[in-house]
Amino acid sequence: MRFLTLWLNTLICCGLLVCQGCTTVAAWERGNLARKEMAINPTPNLNSFRDHIYSSKEASQGGHSGAGGGCGCN
């Protein structure tokens, strides 16, 4: 009986977790989702600058597809 209760509770919790992502977005709500703060990368210019500095410093190690040496001159 105890195993059945535990299994049923686990099944209900998993079902609730799966149902949380199922929704439709109304037309007037799409503007809220398209805001700059909701983006995966909210500051693309700053991140691009940081990536450039990182690749300039770490290009000798590889793995970040950077060109040039550690001096920052490409």
N, C-alpha and C. Protein backbone atom coordinates (compact mmCIF):
# COMPACT_ATOMS: atom_id res chain seq x y z
N MET A 1 0.83 -1.20 0.00
CA MET A 1 0.00 0.00 0.00
C MET A 1 0.87 1.26 0.00
N ARG A 2 1.92 1.22 0.81
CA ARG A 2 2.79 2.40 0.90
C ARG A 2 3.52 2.64 -0.44
N PHE A 3 3.93 1.55 -1.10
CA PHE A 3 4.59 1.68 -2.40
C PHE A 3 3.63 2.26 -3.43
N LEU A 4 2.39 1.84 -3.39
CA LEU A 4 1.38 2.34 -4.33
C LEU A 4 1.13 3.84 -4.12
N THR A 5 1.09 4.28 -2.89
CA THR A 5 0.89 5.70 -2.58
C THR A 5 2.08 6.52 -3.06
N LEU A 6 3.28 6.03 -2.82
CA LEU A 6 4.48 6.72 -3.27
C LEU A 6 4.52 6.80 -4.79
N TRP A 7 4.19 5.71 -5.46
CA TRP A 7 4.17 5.68 -6.91
C TRP A 7 3.12 6.63 -7.47
N LEU A 8 1.96 6.66 -6.86
CA LEU A 8 0.89 7.55 -7.31
C LEU A 8 1.26 9.02 -7.10
N ASN A 9 1.87 9.34 -5.98
CA ASN A 9 2.31 10.72 -5.73
C ASN A 9 3.39 11.14 -6.73
N THR A 10 4.32 10.24 -7.03
CA THR A 10 5.36 10.54 -8.02
C THR A 10 4.75 10.75 -9.39
N LEU A 11 3.80 9.94 -9.76
CA LEU A 11 3.12 10.07 -11.04
C LEU A 11 2.36 11.39 -11.14
N ILE A 12 1.71 11.79 -10.10
CA ILE A 12 0.97 13.06 -10.09
C ILE A 12 1.93 14.24 -10.19
N CYS A 13 3.04 14.20 -9.45
CA CYS A 13 4.02 15.29 -9.51
C CYS A 13 4.63 15.40 -10.91
N CYS A 14 4.96 14.28 -11.51
CA CYS A 14 5.52 14.31 -12.87
C CYS A 14 4.49 14.85 -13.86
N GLY A 15 3.25 14.46 -13.70
CA GLY A 15 2.19 14.97 -14.57
C GLY A 15 2.01 16.47 -14.45
N LEU A 16 2.09 16.97 -13.23
CA LEU A 16 1.95 18.41 -13.03
C LEU A 16 3.14 19.17 -13.62
N LEU A 17 4.34 18.61 -13.51
CA LEU A 17 5.51 19.26 -14.10
C LEU A 17 5.42 19.32 -15.61
N VAL A 18 4.90 18.27 -16.22
CA VAL A 18 4.78 18.25 -17.67
C VAL A 18 3.72 19.24 -18.14
N CYS A 19 2.65 19.38 -17.39
CA CYS A 19 1.55 20.27 -17.80
C CYS A 19 1.88 21.74 -17.66
N GLN A 20 2.90 22.10 -16.94
CA GLN A 20 3.23 23.51 -16.76
C GLN A 20 3.69 24.17 -18.03
N GLY A 21 4.30 23.45 -18.94
CA GLY A 21 4.81 24.03 -20.17
C GLY A 21 3.79 24.09 -21.29
N CYS A 22 2.62 23.54 -21.09
CA CYS A 22 1.61 23.49 -22.15
C CYS A 22 0.67 24.69 -22.02
N THR A 23 0.91 25.68 -22.83
CA THR A 23 0.05 26.86 -22.81
C THR A 23 0.13 27.56 -24.16
N THR A 24 -0.86 28.36 -24.44
CA THR A 24 -0.82 29.18 -25.64
C THR A 24 -0.60 30.62 -25.22
N VAL A 25 0.08 31.36 -26.05
CA VAL A 25 0.37 32.76 -25.75
C VAL A 25 -0.55 33.62 -26.59
N ALA A 26 -1.29 34.47 -25.92
CA ALA A 26 -2.21 35.36 -26.63
C ALA A 26 -1.42 36.46 -27.33
N ALA A 27 -2.05 37.06 -28.31
CA ALA A 27 -1.39 38.08 -29.12
C ALA A 27 -0.93 39.27 -28.28
N TRP A 28 -1.70 39.67 -27.31
CA TRP A 28 -1.33 40.84 -26.50
C TRP A 28 -0.25 40.51 -25.47
N GLU A 29 0.00 39.21 -25.22
CA GLU A 29 1.06 38.82 -24.28
C GLU A 29 2.41 38.64 -24.98
N ARG A 30 2.42 38.54 -26.28
CA ARG A 30 3.67 38.32 -27.00
C ARG A 30 4.62 39.50 -26.89
N GLY A 31 4.09 40.68 -26.72
CA GLY A 31 4.93 41.86 -26.54
C GLY A 31 5.75 41.77 -25.26
N ASN A 32 5.17 41.20 -24.20
CA ASN A 32 5.91 41.02 -22.95
C ASN A 32 7.04 40.01 -23.11
N LEU A 33 6.80 38.97 -23.90
CA LEU A 33 7.83 37.96 -24.10
C LEU A 33 8.92 38.42 -25.05
N ALA A 34 8.64 39.44 -25.85
CA ALA A 34 9.62 39.93 -26.81
C ALA A 34 10.48 41.06 -26.26
N ARG A 35 10.32 41.38 -25.00
CA ARG A 35 11.14 42.45 -24.41
C ARG A 35 12.60 42.06 -24.35
N LYS A 36 13.43 43.05 -24.24
CA LYS A 36 14.88 42.83 -24.21
C LYS A 36 15.30 42.00 -23.00
N GLU A 37 14.63 42.18 -21.87
CA GLU A 37 14.99 41.46 -20.65
C GLU A 37 14.70 39.97 -20.75
N MET A 38 13.79 39.59 -21.64
CA MET A 38 13.40 38.19 -21.76
C MET A 38 14.29 37.43 -22.73
N ALA A 39 15.22 38.09 -23.37
CA ALA A 39 16.09 37.44 -24.35
C ALA A 39 17.09 36.54 -23.65
N ILE A 40 17.57 35.53 -24.35
CA ILE A 40 18.59 34.65 -23.80
C ILE A 40 19.87 35.43 -23.59
N ASN A 41 20.14 36.35 -24.50
CA ASN A 41 21.34 37.18 -24.42
C ASN A 41 20.88 38.63 -24.40
N PRO A 42 20.57 39.20 -23.23
CA PRO A 42 19.99 40.55 -23.18
C PRO A 42 20.96 41.67 -23.56
N THR A 43 22.26 41.43 -23.49
CA THR A 43 23.25 42.45 -23.85
C THR A 43 24.20 41.87 -24.89
N PRO A 44 23.76 41.78 -26.15
CA PRO A 44 24.62 41.13 -27.15
C PRO A 44 25.89 41.91 -27.46
N ASN A 45 25.85 43.23 -27.40
CA ASN A 45 27.06 44.01 -27.69
C ASN A 45 28.12 43.80 -26.61
N LEU A 46 27.69 43.81 -25.36
CA LEU A 46 28.63 43.60 -24.27
C LEU A 46 29.21 42.20 -24.30
N ASN A 47 28.38 41.21 -24.58
CA ASN A 47 28.87 39.84 -24.64
C ASN A 47 29.79 39.64 -25.83
N SER A 48 29.52 40.30 -26.94
CA SER A 48 30.40 40.22 -28.10
C SER A 48 31.76 40.82 -27.77
N PHE A 49 31.76 41.94 -27.06
CA PHE A 49 33.01 42.58 -26.65
C PHE A 49 33.80 41.68 -25.70
N ARG A 50 33.10 41.07 -24.75
CA ARG A 50 33.77 40.16 -23.82
C ARG A 50 34.31 38.93 -24.53
N ASP A 51 33.57 38.42 -25.50
CA ASP A 51 34.06 37.28 -26.28
C ASP A 51 35.30 37.64 -27.07
N HIS A 52 35.33 38.85 -27.59
CA HIS A 52 36.50 39.29 -28.35
C HIS A 52 37.73 39.38 -27.44
N ILE A 53 37.55 39.93 -26.26
CA ILE A 53 38.67 40.03 -25.31
C ILE A 53 39.12 38.64 -24.89
N TYR A 54 38.17 37.75 -24.62
CA TYR A 54 38.51 36.40 -24.19
C TYR A 54 39.27 35.67 -25.29
N SER A 55 38.78 35.78 -26.53
CA SER A 55 39.45 35.07 -27.61
C SER A 55 40.82 35.68 -27.91
N SER A 56 40.98 36.97 -27.67
CA SER A 56 42.29 37.59 -27.87
C SER A 56 43.30 37.11 -26.82
N LYS A 57 42.82 36.92 -25.60
CA LYS A 57 43.72 36.48 -24.53
C LYS A 57 43.98 34.98 -24.56
N GLU A 58 42.96 34.22 -24.92
CA GLU A 58 43.06 32.77 -24.81
C GLU A 58 43.18 32.08 -26.15
N ALA A 59 43.51 32.79 -27.21
CA ALA A 59 43.56 32.18 -28.54
C ALA A 59 44.67 31.15 -28.65
N SER A 60 45.69 31.29 -27.85
CA SER A 60 46.78 30.31 -27.94
C SER A 60 46.34 28.96 -27.39
N GLN A 61 45.31 28.92 -26.56
CA GLN A 61 44.83 27.66 -26.02
C GLN A 61 43.83 26.99 -26.96
N GLY A 62 43.17 27.75 -27.80
CA GLY A 62 42.20 27.18 -28.72
C GLY A 62 40.86 26.89 -28.04
N GLY A 63 39.90 26.42 -28.82
CA GLY A 63 38.61 26.04 -28.27
C GLY A 63 37.59 27.15 -28.30
N HIS A 64 37.96 28.36 -28.65
CA HIS A 64 36.99 29.46 -28.69
C HIS A 64 36.97 30.11 -30.06
N SER A 65 37.55 29.48 -31.04
CA SER A 65 37.61 29.93 -32.42
C SER A 65 38.10 31.37 -32.55
N GLY A 66 39.12 31.70 -31.82
CA GLY A 66 39.69 33.03 -31.89
C GLY A 66 40.92 33.05 -32.78
N ALA A 67 41.14 34.17 -33.42
CA ALA A 67 42.32 34.31 -34.26
C ALA A 67 43.24 35.34 -33.63
N GLY A 68 44.50 35.17 -33.83
CA GLY A 68 45.46 36.13 -33.30
C GLY A 68 46.13 35.60 -32.04
N GLY A 69 47.01 36.40 -31.52
CA GLY A 69 47.75 36.00 -30.33
C GLY A 69 47.18 36.63 -29.08
N GLY A 70 47.98 36.73 -28.07
CA GLY A 70 47.53 37.28 -26.80
C GLY A 70 47.61 38.78 -26.73
N CYS A 71 48.08 39.44 -27.80
CA CYS A 71 48.25 40.88 -27.74
C CYS A 71 46.97 41.64 -28.05
N GLY A 72 45.97 40.98 -28.62
CA GLY A 72 44.71 41.65 -28.96
C GLY A 72 44.66 42.15 -30.39
N CYS A 73 45.75 42.03 -31.13
CA CYS A 73 45.74 42.46 -32.53
C CYS A 73 45.42 41.26 -33.40
N ASN A 74 44.45 41.44 -34.27
CA ASN A 74 44.04 40.32 -35.11
C ASN A 74 44.76 40.45 -36.41
